Amino acid sequence: MFSYFFNMNTQHIEPTHPTQPFRSVVVFGPPGSGKGTLGKFLSSAGNHFHLSSGDIFRGLSPESPAGQLYHSYASKGLLLPDEVTIQIWLQYVHGLIATNRYFPTEQLLLLDGIPRTVRQANLLESYVQIEKIIVLEVNDNDVLMKRIQRRALIEKRTDDLDNETLKTRLEVYQKDTSRVLKRYPEQLIARFNADQKPLEVLRDVLVSLSELF
């Protein structure tokens, strides 16, 4: 049903298209808003598949074709181009299907961290059918920074302890996300107050989107 060809010489994946696009819900939210927590809650509650782009890239084997490509950019301090990001994402999803971890005809794909740009959103169109977009909103950046720094101490992410770095990340998120969201019809977007506790956010999402979950 699914196949792909990864050519390291051309740095390109040429996938066959699935007979049906992956039914997906996209979760947007600034760092510290609880995207990952909500995704895990929803995947456990409804047998959906939560897919974090951060987990994809952190989990790439340096010996795999995708890992070699990723590290060829990261080692030079370069960000992956949008096309390469989607190529690696697609290869990873195909791997999940091939190893019976994700069943696209039975499960929603909960996308966390992708698409980050309008170009990525355009590229994803061939592979996903977006059922809903969940936007987690936190109005106070100080709250976000405290959450991120608390997580950084627990997970030993030293880069997340610098205030200026965090402010830049939040500014980049706001700028990029506003552009991406403008691409989609407003009726597809559901906004939630993420100033609340994680279980309260989950409650609001389940009540509002009960037909999906």
N, C-alpha and C. Protein backbone atom coordinates (compact mmCIF):
# COMPACT_ATOMS: atom_id res chain seq x y z
N MET A 1 0.82 -1.21 0.00
CA MET A 1 0.00 0.00 0.00
C MET A 1 0.86 1.27 0.00
N PHE A 2 1.98 1.23 0.74
CA PHE A 2 2.85 2.38 0.80
C PHE A 2 4.27 1.96 0.43
N SER A 3 4.98 2.82 -0.29
CA SER A 3 6.38 2.59 -0.55
C SER A 3 7.06 3.90 -0.78
N TYR A 4 8.42 3.90 -0.69
CA TYR A 4 9.15 5.11 -0.96
C TYR A 4 10.55 4.75 -1.42
N PHE A 5 11.19 5.70 -2.07
CA PHE A 5 12.56 5.51 -2.51
C PHE A 5 13.37 6.67 -1.98
N PHE A 6 14.42 6.38 -1.23
CA PHE A 6 15.26 7.42 -0.66
C PHE A 6 16.60 7.37 -1.37
N ASN A 7 16.96 8.44 -2.05
CA ASN A 7 18.20 8.50 -2.81
C ASN A 7 19.13 9.50 -2.15
N MET A 8 20.21 8.99 -1.54
CA MET A 8 21.12 9.87 -0.84
C MET A 8 21.90 10.76 -1.79
N ASN A 9 22.03 10.36 -3.05
CA ASN A 9 22.77 11.18 -4.00
C ASN A 9 21.98 12.44 -4.37
N THR A 10 20.67 12.27 -4.50
CA THR A 10 19.82 13.42 -4.84
C THR A 10 19.17 14.03 -3.62
N GLN A 11 19.35 13.36 -2.45
CA GLN A 11 18.72 13.80 -1.20
C GLN A 11 17.23 13.98 -1.42
N HIS A 12 16.60 12.93 -1.92
CA HIS A 12 15.19 13.05 -2.28
C HIS A 12 14.48 11.73 -2.01
N ILE A 13 13.26 11.83 -1.52
CA ILE A 13 12.40 10.68 -1.36
C ILE A 13 11.29 10.79 -2.39
N GLU A 14 11.09 9.73 -3.12
CA GLU A 14 10.02 9.73 -4.11
C GLU A 14 8.96 8.73 -3.67
N PRO A 15 7.96 9.19 -2.90
CA PRO A 15 6.99 8.26 -2.35
C PRO A 15 5.85 8.00 -3.34
N THR A 16 5.27 6.83 -3.21
CA THR A 16 3.99 6.63 -3.86
C THR A 16 2.95 7.21 -2.91
N HIS A 17 1.91 7.78 -3.45
CA HIS A 17 0.90 8.39 -2.60
C HIS A 17 0.02 7.30 -1.98
N PRO A 18 -0.37 7.47 -0.71
CA PRO A 18 -1.29 6.51 -0.11
C PRO A 18 -2.62 6.54 -0.84
N THR A 19 -3.32 5.40 -0.82
CA THR A 19 -4.62 5.36 -1.48
C THR A 19 -5.58 6.35 -0.81
N GLN A 20 -5.39 6.60 0.47
CA GLN A 20 -6.14 7.62 1.19
C GLN A 20 -5.15 8.48 1.96
N PRO A 21 -5.33 9.81 1.99
CA PRO A 21 -4.43 10.65 2.81
C PRO A 21 -4.56 10.27 4.28
N PHE A 22 -3.52 10.55 5.03
CA PHE A 22 -3.55 10.29 6.47
C PHE A 22 -4.51 11.28 7.13
N ARG A 23 -5.55 10.78 7.78
CA ARG A 23 -6.47 11.64 8.51
C ARG A 23 -5.74 12.22 9.72
N SER A 24 -5.70 13.55 9.80
CA SER A 24 -4.82 14.18 10.77
C SER A 24 -5.49 15.30 11.53
N VAL A 25 -5.01 15.50 12.75
CA VAL A 25 -5.31 16.68 13.55
C VAL A 25 -3.97 17.33 13.87
N VAL A 26 -3.86 18.63 13.58
CA VAL A 26 -2.62 19.35 13.83
C VAL A 26 -2.75 20.12 15.14
N VAL A 27 -1.73 20.00 15.98
CA VAL A 27 -1.72 20.71 17.26
C VAL A 27 -0.65 21.80 17.21
N PHE A 28 -1.11 23.06 17.31
CA PHE A 28 -0.20 24.20 17.36
C PHE A 28 -0.16 24.76 18.78
N GLY A 29 0.97 25.29 19.15
CA GLY A 29 1.10 25.95 20.44
C GLY A 29 2.54 26.35 20.65
N PRO A 30 2.79 27.45 21.35
CA PRO A 30 4.17 27.87 21.59
C PRO A 30 4.89 26.88 22.49
N PRO A 31 6.22 26.94 22.53
CA PRO A 31 6.96 26.10 23.47
C PRO A 31 6.43 26.29 24.88
N GLY A 32 6.18 25.18 25.57
CA GLY A 32 5.69 25.26 26.94
C GLY A 32 4.18 25.28 27.06
N SER A 33 3.47 25.23 25.94
CA SER A 33 2.00 25.31 25.99
C SER A 33 1.35 23.96 26.29
N GLY A 34 2.11 22.88 26.19
CA GLY A 34 1.56 21.57 26.51
C GLY A 34 1.12 20.76 25.30
N LYS A 35 1.69 21.04 24.12
CA LYS A 35 1.32 20.28 22.91
C LYS A 35 1.59 18.79 23.08
N GLY A 36 2.80 18.49 23.55
CA GLY A 36 3.17 17.08 23.70
C GLY A 36 2.30 16.36 24.71
N THR A 37 2.01 17.03 25.82
CA THR A 37 1.17 16.42 26.86
C THR A 37 -0.23 16.16 26.33
N LEU A 38 -0.80 17.14 25.63
CA LEU A 38 -2.14 16.96 25.06
C LEU A 38 -2.14 15.84 24.03
N GLY A 39 -1.12 15.81 23.18
CA GLY A 39 -1.04 14.76 22.17
C GLY A 39 -1.00 13.37 22.78
N LYS A 40 -0.24 13.23 23.85
CA LYS A 40 -0.15 11.93 24.53
C LYS A 40 -1.47 11.56 25.20
N PHE A 41 -2.12 12.54 25.81
CA PHE A 41 -3.44 12.29 26.42
C PHE A 41 -4.43 11.80 25.36
N LEU A 42 -4.50 12.52 24.25
CA LEU A 42 -5.47 12.17 23.20
C LEU A 42 -5.16 10.83 22.56
N SER A 43 -3.89 10.53 22.39
CA SER A 43 -3.54 9.25 21.78
C SER A 43 -3.90 8.09 22.71
N SER A 44 -3.71 8.30 24.00
CA SER A 44 -4.06 7.24 24.96
C SER A 44 -5.57 7.09 25.10
N ALA A 45 -6.27 8.22 25.11
CA ALA A 45 -7.72 8.18 25.34
C ALA A 45 -8.48 7.62 24.15
N GLY A 46 -8.00 7.88 22.95
CA GLY A 46 -8.77 7.49 21.78
C GLY A 46 -8.08 6.55 20.82
N ASN A 47 -6.93 5.99 21.23
CA ASN A 47 -6.17 5.09 20.36
C ASN A 47 -5.75 5.78 19.07
N HIS A 48 -5.39 7.05 19.18
CA HIS A 48 -4.85 7.77 18.03
C HIS A 48 -3.33 7.75 18.10
N PHE A 49 -2.66 8.21 17.05
CA PHE A 49 -1.20 8.17 17.05
C PHE A 49 -0.64 9.58 17.14
N HIS A 50 0.06 9.86 18.24
CA HIS A 50 0.69 11.17 18.44
C HIS A 50 2.09 11.14 17.84
N LEU A 51 2.35 12.06 16.90
CA LEU A 51 3.64 12.10 16.23
C LEU A 51 4.28 13.47 16.40
N SER A 52 5.32 13.53 17.21
CA SER A 52 6.05 14.77 17.46
C SER A 52 7.23 14.86 16.51
N SER A 53 7.34 15.98 15.80
CA SER A 53 8.48 16.13 14.89
C SER A 53 9.80 16.15 15.67
N GLY A 54 9.77 16.69 16.90
CA GLY A 54 10.97 16.68 17.73
C GLY A 54 11.43 15.27 18.02
N ASP A 55 10.48 14.38 18.32
CA ASP A 55 10.83 12.98 18.58
C ASP A 55 11.42 12.33 17.35
N ILE A 56 10.90 12.69 16.17
CA ILE A 56 11.41 12.11 14.92
C ILE A 56 12.89 12.43 14.77
N PHE A 57 13.23 13.70 14.86
CA PHE A 57 14.61 14.09 14.60
C PHE A 57 15.56 13.66 15.71
N ARG A 58 15.09 13.68 16.96
CA ARG A 58 15.95 13.22 18.05
C ARG A 58 16.20 11.72 17.97
N GLY A 59 15.26 11.00 17.35
CA GLY A 59 15.37 9.54 17.30
C GLY A 59 16.02 8.99 16.05
N LEU A 60 16.45 9.86 15.13
CA LEU A 60 17.06 9.37 13.89
C LEU A 60 18.40 8.70 14.16
N SER A 61 18.60 7.53 13.61
CA SER A 61 19.90 6.88 13.70
C SER A 61 20.88 7.58 12.77
N PRO A 62 22.07 7.93 13.25
CA PRO A 62 23.06 8.58 12.40
C PRO A 62 23.46 7.72 11.20
N GLU A 63 23.17 6.40 11.27
CA GLU A 63 23.56 5.50 10.19
C GLU A 63 22.47 5.34 9.14
N SER A 64 21.26 5.82 9.43
CA SER A 64 20.18 5.71 8.46
C SER A 64 20.30 6.80 7.40
N PRO A 65 19.73 6.58 6.20
CA PRO A 65 19.79 7.64 5.18
C PRO A 65 19.22 8.97 5.66
N ALA A 66 18.07 8.92 6.35
CA ALA A 66 17.47 10.16 6.85
C ALA A 66 18.36 10.79 7.92
N GLY A 67 18.94 9.94 8.77
CA GLY A 67 19.82 10.44 9.82
C GLY A 67 21.07 11.09 9.27
N GLN A 68 21.64 10.49 8.24
CA GLN A 68 22.82 11.07 7.61
C GLN A 68 22.50 12.43 7.00
N LEU A 69 21.34 12.52 6.38
CA LEU A 69 20.94 13.77 5.76
C LEU A 69 20.73 14.85 6.82
N TYR A 70 20.03 14.48 7.89
CA TYR A 70 19.78 15.42 8.97
C TYR A 70 21.09 15.91 9.59
N HIS A 71 21.99 14.98 9.88
CA HIS A 71 23.24 15.36 10.54
C HIS A 71 24.16 16.14 9.61
N SER A 72 24.01 15.96 8.30
CA SER A 72 24.83 16.74 7.36
C SER A 72 24.47 18.23 7.46
N TYR A 73 23.24 18.53 7.79
CA TYR A 73 22.82 19.92 7.99
C TYR A 73 23.16 20.37 9.42
N ALA A 74 22.78 19.55 10.38
CA ALA A 74 22.94 19.94 11.79
C ALA A 74 24.41 20.15 12.14
N SER A 75 25.31 19.35 11.56
CA SER A 75 26.73 19.47 11.87
C SER A 75 27.31 20.80 11.40
N LYS A 76 26.64 21.44 10.44
CA LYS A 76 27.08 22.75 9.93
C LYS A 76 26.30 23.89 10.57
N GLY A 77 25.46 23.54 11.52
CA GLY A 77 24.65 24.55 12.17
C GLY A 77 23.53 25.07 11.31
N LEU A 78 23.12 24.28 10.32
CA LEU A 78 22.07 24.70 9.39
C LEU A 78 20.73 24.06 9.73
N LEU A 79 19.66 24.80 9.48
CA LEU A 79 18.33 24.24 9.62
C LEU A 79 17.97 23.44 8.37
N LEU A 80 17.22 22.38 8.55
CA LEU A 80 16.80 21.58 7.41
C LEU A 80 15.86 22.39 6.50
N PRO A 81 16.05 22.33 5.20
CA PRO A 81 15.08 22.95 4.29
C PRO A 81 13.71 22.28 4.46
N ASP A 82 12.67 23.00 4.13
CA ASP A 82 11.31 22.48 4.30
C ASP A 82 11.11 21.17 3.53
N GLU A 83 11.65 21.10 2.32
CA GLU A 83 11.48 19.88 1.52
C GLU A 83 12.11 18.68 2.21
N VAL A 84 13.28 18.88 2.79
CA VAL A 84 13.98 17.78 3.47
C VAL A 84 13.23 17.38 4.73
N THR A 85 12.71 18.36 5.45
CA THR A 85 11.92 18.08 6.66
C THR A 85 10.74 17.17 6.33
N ILE A 86 10.01 17.50 5.27
CA ILE A 86 8.85 16.70 4.90
C ILE A 86 9.27 15.33 4.38
N GLN A 87 10.39 15.27 3.68
CA GLN A 87 10.90 13.98 3.20
C GLN A 87 11.19 13.03 4.37
N ILE A 88 11.88 13.56 5.39
CA ILE A 88 12.22 12.74 6.55
C ILE A 88 10.95 12.36 7.32
N TRP A 89 10.04 13.32 7.46
CA TRP A 89 8.77 13.04 8.14
C TRP A 89 8.02 11.90 7.43
N LEU A 90 7.97 11.97 6.11
CA LEU A 90 7.24 10.97 5.34
C LEU A 90 7.89 9.60 5.45
N GLN A 91 9.20 9.58 5.40
CA GLN A 91 9.90 8.31 5.55
C GLN A 91 9.62 7.69 6.92
N TYR A 92 9.60 8.54 7.94
CA TYR A 92 9.34 8.06 9.30
C TYR A 92 7.94 7.48 9.41
N VAL A 93 6.95 8.17 8.84
CA VAL A 93 5.56 7.68 8.88
C VAL A 93 5.46 6.33 8.17
N HIS A 94 6.10 6.20 7.02
CA HIS A 94 6.10 4.93 6.31
C HIS A 94 6.72 3.82 7.16
N GLY A 95 7.76 4.18 7.92
CA GLY A 95 8.38 3.20 8.81
C GLY A 95 7.43 2.76 9.91
N LEU A 96 6.64 3.70 10.44
CA LEU A 96 5.65 3.36 11.47
C LEU A 96 4.61 2.39 10.92
N ILE A 97 4.20 2.64 9.68
CA ILE A 97 3.21 1.77 9.05
C ILE A 97 3.80 0.39 8.80
N ALA A 98 5.03 0.36 8.31
CA ALA A 98 5.67 -0.91 7.97
C ALA A 98 5.91 -1.79 9.19
N THR A 99 6.06 -1.16 10.36
CA THR A 99 6.33 -1.92 11.59
C THR A 99 5.08 -2.06 12.47
N ASN A 100 3.92 -1.78 11.88
CA ASN A 100 2.63 -1.97 12.57
C ASN A 100 2.51 -1.16 13.86
N ARG A 101 3.03 0.06 13.83
CA ARG A 101 2.86 0.94 14.99
C ARG A 101 1.80 2.01 14.75
N TYR A 102 1.55 2.31 13.49
CA TYR A 102 0.53 3.28 13.12
C TYR A 102 -0.32 2.68 12.02
N PHE A 103 -1.66 2.73 12.21
CA PHE A 103 -2.60 2.13 11.28
C PHE A 103 -3.47 3.24 10.68
N PRO A 104 -3.09 3.75 9.52
CA PRO A 104 -3.74 4.96 8.99
C PRO A 104 -5.22 4.81 8.69
N THR A 105 -5.69 3.61 8.42
CA THR A 105 -7.12 3.45 8.14
C THR A 105 -7.94 3.42 9.43
N GLU A 106 -7.28 3.26 10.57
CA GLU A 106 -7.99 3.13 11.84
C GLU A 106 -7.72 4.28 12.81
N GLN A 107 -6.61 4.98 12.65
CA GLN A 107 -6.18 5.97 13.63
C GLN A 107 -6.05 7.36 13.03
N LEU A 108 -6.37 8.36 13.85
CA LEU A 108 -6.02 9.74 13.52
C LEU A 108 -4.53 9.93 13.78
N LEU A 109 -3.89 10.72 12.95
CA LEU A 109 -2.50 11.10 13.16
C LEU A 109 -2.49 12.47 13.80
N LEU A 110 -1.98 12.56 15.04
CA LEU A 110 -1.93 13.82 15.77
C LEU A 110 -0.56 14.45 15.52
N LEU A 111 -0.53 15.49 14.71
CA LEU A 111 0.73 16.11 14.31
C LEU A 111 1.12 17.23 15.27
N ASP A 112 2.30 17.10 15.83
CA ASP A 112 2.81 18.04 16.83
C ASP A 112 4.17 18.55 16.33
N GLY A 113 4.22 19.85 15.97
CA GLY A 113 5.49 20.43 15.53
C GLY A 113 5.67 20.51 14.03
N ILE A 114 4.66 20.09 13.30
CA ILE A 114 4.70 20.16 11.84
C ILE A 114 3.28 20.34 11.33
N PRO A 115 3.01 21.22 10.39
CA PRO A 115 3.95 22.07 9.65
C PRO A 115 4.34 23.32 10.43
N ARG A 116 5.58 23.76 10.24
CA ARG A 116 6.06 24.98 10.90
C ARG A 116 6.05 26.18 9.96
N THR A 117 6.00 25.92 8.67
CA THR A 117 6.04 27.00 7.69
C THR A 117 4.94 26.78 6.65
N VAL A 118 4.64 27.83 5.90
CA VAL A 118 3.64 27.72 4.84
C VAL A 118 4.10 26.71 3.79
N ARG A 119 5.38 26.72 3.49
CA ARG A 119 5.91 25.77 2.50
C ARG A 119 5.70 24.33 2.97
N GLN A 120 5.96 24.05 4.24
CA GLN A 120 5.72 22.70 4.77
C GLN A 120 4.25 22.34 4.67
N ALA A 121 3.39 23.29 4.98
CA ALA A 121 1.95 23.04 4.89
C ALA A 121 1.56 22.68 3.46
N ASN A 122 2.12 23.39 2.49
CA ASN A 122 1.83 23.10 1.09
C ASN A 122 2.30 21.70 0.70
N LEU A 123 3.49 21.34 1.15
CA LEU A 123 4.05 20.02 0.82
C LEU A 123 3.25 18.89 1.47
N LEU A 124 2.74 19.14 2.68
CA LEU A 124 1.99 18.11 3.40
C LEU A 124 0.64 17.80 2.75
N GLU A 125 0.14 18.75 1.97
CA GLU A 125 -1.19 18.60 1.38
C GLU A 125 -1.38 17.29 0.63
N SER A 126 -0.30 16.81 0.03
CA SER A 126 -0.39 15.58 -0.76
C SER A 126 -0.58 14.34 0.12
N TYR A 127 -0.27 14.46 1.41
CA TYR A 127 -0.21 13.27 2.25
C TYR A 127 -1.20 13.25 3.41
N VAL A 128 -1.73 14.40 3.78
CA VAL A 128 -2.63 14.42 4.94
C VAL A 128 -3.95 15.07 4.60
N GLN A 129 -4.97 14.60 5.28
CA GLN A 129 -6.29 15.24 5.24
C GLN A 129 -6.54 15.80 6.63
N ILE A 130 -6.44 17.11 6.78
CA ILE A 130 -6.55 17.72 8.10
C ILE A 130 -8.01 17.84 8.51
N GLU A 131 -8.37 17.14 9.58
CA GLU A 131 -9.73 17.16 10.09
C GLU A 131 -9.97 18.37 10.99
N LYS A 132 -8.93 18.76 11.73
CA LYS A 132 -9.07 19.89 12.65
C LYS A 132 -7.68 20.41 13.01
N ILE A 133 -7.62 21.68 13.36
CA ILE A 133 -6.39 22.29 13.85
C ILE A 133 -6.65 22.80 15.26
N ILE A 134 -5.91 22.28 16.21
CA ILE A 134 -6.03 22.69 17.61
C ILE A 134 -4.92 23.72 17.89
N VAL A 135 -5.32 24.88 18.38
CA VAL A 135 -4.35 25.92 18.73
C VAL A 135 -4.40 26.14 20.23
N LEU A 136 -3.29 25.89 20.90
CA LEU A 136 -3.19 26.12 22.35
C LEU A 136 -2.63 27.53 22.56
N GLU A 137 -3.40 28.35 23.25
CA GLU A 137 -3.02 29.75 23.43
C GLU A 137 -2.67 30.05 24.88
N VAL A 138 -1.52 30.67 25.07
CA VAL A 138 -1.10 31.15 26.39
C VAL A 138 -0.80 32.63 26.24
N ASN A 139 -1.51 33.45 26.98
CA ASN A 139 -1.40 34.90 26.80
C ASN A 139 -0.21 35.52 27.51
N ASP A 140 0.32 34.82 28.50
CA ASP A 140 1.41 35.38 29.30
C ASP A 140 2.72 34.65 28.97
N ASN A 141 3.64 35.34 28.28
CA ASN A 141 4.92 34.71 27.93
C ASN A 141 5.74 34.33 29.14
N ASP A 142 5.56 35.05 30.26
CA ASP A 142 6.30 34.72 31.47
C ASP A 142 5.91 33.33 31.97
N VAL A 143 4.63 32.99 31.82
CA VAL A 143 4.16 31.65 32.21
C VAL A 143 4.85 30.59 31.34
N LEU A 144 4.91 30.85 30.05
CA LEU A 144 5.56 29.90 29.14
C LEU A 144 7.03 29.72 29.49
N MET A 145 7.71 30.82 29.76
CA MET A 145 9.14 30.74 30.05
C MET A 145 9.41 29.96 31.34
N LYS A 146 8.56 30.15 32.33
CA LYS A 146 8.73 29.40 33.58
C LYS A 146 8.50 27.91 33.34
N ARG A 147 7.50 27.57 32.51
CA ARG A 147 7.23 26.16 32.20
C ARG A 147 8.41 25.53 31.47
N ILE A 148 8.93 26.25 30.48
CA ILE A 148 10.04 25.72 29.69
C ILE A 148 11.28 25.53 30.55
N GLN A 149 11.56 26.49 31.40
CA GLN A 149 12.75 26.40 32.25
C GLN A 149 12.61 25.29 33.28
N ARG A 150 11.40 25.08 33.77
CA ARG A 150 11.18 23.97 34.71
C ARG A 150 11.41 22.64 34.00
N ARG A 151 10.90 22.53 32.76
CA ARG A 151 11.12 21.31 31.98
C ARG A 151 12.60 21.14 31.65
N ALA A 152 13.28 22.25 31.37
CA ALA A 152 14.71 22.19 31.02
C ALA A 152 15.54 21.63 32.16
N LEU A 153 15.18 22.00 33.38
CA LEU A 153 15.91 21.49 34.55
C LEU A 153 15.70 19.99 34.70
N ILE A 154 14.47 19.56 34.44
CA ILE A 154 14.15 18.13 34.58
C ILE A 154 14.82 17.31 33.49
N GLU A 155 14.78 17.84 32.24
CA GLU A 155 15.29 17.09 31.09
C GLU A 155 16.72 17.47 30.71
N LYS A 156 17.32 18.39 31.51
CA LYS A 156 18.70 18.82 31.29
C LYS A 156 18.91 19.41 29.90
N ARG A 157 17.97 20.28 29.48
CA ARG A 157 18.11 21.01 28.22
C ARG A 157 18.68 22.39 28.54
N THR A 158 19.98 22.53 28.52
CA THR A 158 20.61 23.77 28.98
C THR A 158 20.24 24.96 28.10
N ASP A 159 19.99 24.73 26.79
CA ASP A 159 19.66 25.85 25.90
C ASP A 159 18.36 26.53 26.30
N ASP A 160 17.48 25.77 26.97
CA ASP A 160 16.18 26.31 27.34
C ASP A 160 16.21 27.11 28.65
N LEU A 161 17.39 27.31 29.20
CA LEU A 161 17.50 28.06 30.44
C LEU A 161 17.85 29.53 30.19
N ASP A 162 18.18 29.86 28.95
CA ASP A 162 18.57 31.23 28.60
C ASP A 162 17.35 32.05 28.22
N ASN A 163 17.13 33.15 28.94
CA ASN A 163 15.93 33.97 28.72
C ASN A 163 15.87 34.55 27.31
N GLU A 164 16.99 35.05 26.80
CA GLU A 164 16.98 35.68 25.47
C GLU A 164 16.68 34.66 24.39
N THR A 165 17.24 33.45 24.55
CA THR A 165 16.97 32.38 23.59
C THR A 165 15.50 32.02 23.59
N LEU A 166 14.91 31.94 24.77
CA LEU A 166 13.49 31.60 24.88
C LEU A 166 12.62 32.69 24.26
N LYS A 167 12.95 33.95 24.50
CA LYS A 167 12.17 35.05 23.92
C LYS A 167 12.21 34.98 22.39
N THR A 168 13.39 34.65 21.85
CA THR A 168 13.52 34.54 20.39
C THR A 168 12.67 33.40 19.86
N ARG A 169 12.71 32.26 20.55
CA ARG A 169 11.91 31.10 20.12
C ARG A 169 10.42 31.43 20.11
N LEU A 170 9.96 32.14 21.12
CA LEU A 170 8.54 32.50 21.20
C LEU A 170 8.17 33.49 20.09
N GLU A 171 9.05 34.44 19.82
CA GLU A 171 8.79 35.40 18.74
C GLU A 171 8.72 34.71 17.38
N VAL A 172 9.65 33.77 17.16
CA VAL A 172 9.67 33.03 15.89
C VAL A 172 8.40 32.20 15.75
N TYR A 173 7.98 31.57 16.85
CA TYR A 173 6.75 30.76 16.81
C TYR A 173 5.56 31.64 16.42
N GLN A 174 5.41 32.77 17.09
CA GLN A 174 4.26 33.63 16.82
C GLN A 174 4.24 34.09 15.36
N LYS A 175 5.40 34.47 14.84
CA LYS A 175 5.49 34.96 13.47
C LYS A 175 5.18 33.85 12.47
N ASP A 176 5.84 32.70 12.63
CA ASP A 176 5.66 31.61 11.66
C ASP A 176 4.27 31.01 11.73
N THR A 177 3.76 30.83 12.95
CA THR A 177 2.46 30.18 13.10
C THR A 177 1.33 31.04 12.56
N SER A 178 1.41 32.34 12.78
CA SER A 178 0.34 33.21 12.26
C SER A 178 0.27 33.10 10.74
N ARG A 179 1.40 32.95 10.08
CA ARG A 179 1.43 32.80 8.63
C ARG A 179 0.81 31.47 8.20
N VAL A 180 1.16 30.42 8.93
CA VAL A 180 0.63 29.08 8.57
C VAL A 180 -0.87 29.03 8.77
N LEU A 181 -1.36 29.58 9.90
CA LEU A 181 -2.79 29.50 10.20
C LEU A 181 -3.63 30.28 9.19
N LYS A 182 -3.08 31.34 8.65
CA LYS A 182 -3.81 32.12 7.65
C LYS A 182 -4.09 31.30 6.39
N ARG A 183 -3.33 30.23 6.23
CA ARG A 183 -3.48 29.39 5.05
C ARG A 183 -4.75 28.53 5.10
N TYR A 184 -5.25 28.29 6.32
CA TYR A 184 -6.37 27.37 6.51
C TYR A 184 -7.67 28.13 6.79
N PRO A 185 -8.82 27.56 6.40
CA PRO A 185 -10.10 28.20 6.70
C PRO A 185 -10.34 28.26 8.21
N GLU A 186 -10.95 29.36 8.66
CA GLU A 186 -11.13 29.58 10.09
C GLU A 186 -11.97 28.49 10.74
N GLN A 187 -12.92 27.92 9.99
CA GLN A 187 -13.79 26.89 10.58
C GLN A 187 -13.03 25.60 10.90
N LEU A 188 -11.82 25.48 10.37
CA LEU A 188 -11.00 24.29 10.65
C LEU A 188 -10.24 24.44 11.96
N ILE A 189 -10.20 25.66 12.49
CA ILE A 189 -9.34 25.97 13.63
C ILE A 189 -10.15 26.05 14.92
N ALA A 190 -9.67 25.35 15.95
CA ALA A 190 -10.28 25.41 17.28
C ALA A 190 -9.23 25.89 18.28
N ARG A 191 -9.54 26.97 18.98
CA ARG A 191 -8.58 27.58 19.90
C ARG A 191 -8.96 27.26 21.35
N PHE A 192 -7.92 27.00 22.16
CA PHE A 192 -8.15 26.62 23.56
C PHE A 192 -7.20 27.38 24.48
N ASN A 193 -7.70 27.67 25.66
CA ASN A 193 -6.92 28.37 26.67
C ASN A 193 -5.96 27.39 27.35
N ALA A 194 -4.67 27.54 27.06
CA ALA A 194 -3.67 26.64 27.64
C ALA A 194 -3.02 27.21 28.88
N ASP A 195 -3.60 28.31 29.42
CA ASP A 195 -3.15 28.80 30.73
C ASP A 195 -3.60 27.85 31.84
N GLN A 196 -4.54 26.97 31.50
CA GLN A 196 -5.11 26.06 32.48
C GLN A 196 -4.18 24.86 32.74
N LYS A 197 -4.60 24.03 33.68
CA LYS A 197 -3.89 22.78 33.93
C LYS A 197 -4.10 21.83 32.76
N PRO A 198 -3.15 20.91 32.51
CA PRO A 198 -3.26 20.01 31.36
C PRO A 198 -4.57 19.23 31.29
N LEU A 199 -5.07 18.78 32.42
CA LEU A 199 -6.32 18.01 32.39
C LEU A 199 -7.52 18.90 32.05
N GLU A 200 -7.44 20.16 32.43
CA GLU A 200 -8.51 21.09 32.08
C GLU A 200 -8.50 21.40 30.59
N VAL A 201 -7.30 21.50 30.01
CA VAL A 201 -7.20 21.69 28.56
C VAL A 201 -7.74 20.46 27.84
N LEU A 202 -7.37 19.29 28.32
CA LEU A 202 -7.87 18.05 27.72
C LEU A 202 -9.39 17.98 27.78
N ARG A 203 -9.96 18.36 28.91
CA ARG A 203 -11.42 18.39 29.07
C ARG A 203 -12.06 19.27 28.01
N ASP A 204 -11.53 20.47 27.84
CA ASP A 204 -12.11 21.41 26.88
C ASP A 204 -12.02 20.88 25.46
N VAL A 205 -10.89 20.26 25.13
CA VAL A 205 -10.70 19.71 23.78
C VAL A 205 -11.69 18.58 23.53
N LEU A 206 -11.83 17.69 24.49
CA LEU A 206 -12.72 16.53 24.31
C LEU A 206 -14.18 16.96 24.22
N VAL A 207 -14.55 17.97 25.01
CA VAL A 207 -15.94 18.45 24.96
C VAL A 207 -16.22 19.13 23.62
N SER A 208 -15.29 19.95 23.19
CA SER A 208 -15.50 20.72 21.95
C SER A 208 -15.39 19.86 20.70
N LEU A 209 -14.51 18.85 20.73
CA LEU A 209 -14.26 18.05 19.53
C LEU A 209 -14.61 16.58 19.75
N SER A 210 -15.72 16.36 20.45
CA SER A 210 -16.11 15.00 20.79
C SER A 210 -16.38 14.14 19.57
N GLU A 211 -16.78 14.77 18.45
CA GLU A 211 -17.07 13.99 17.26
C GLU A 211 -15.81 13.38 16.64
N LEU A 212 -14.65 13.97 16.99
CA LEU A 212 -13.39 13.44 16.45
C LEU A 212 -12.76 12.41 17.37
N PHE A 213 -12.83 12.68 18.67
CA PHE A 213 -12.09 11.85 19.62
C PHE A 213 -13.00 10.91 20.40
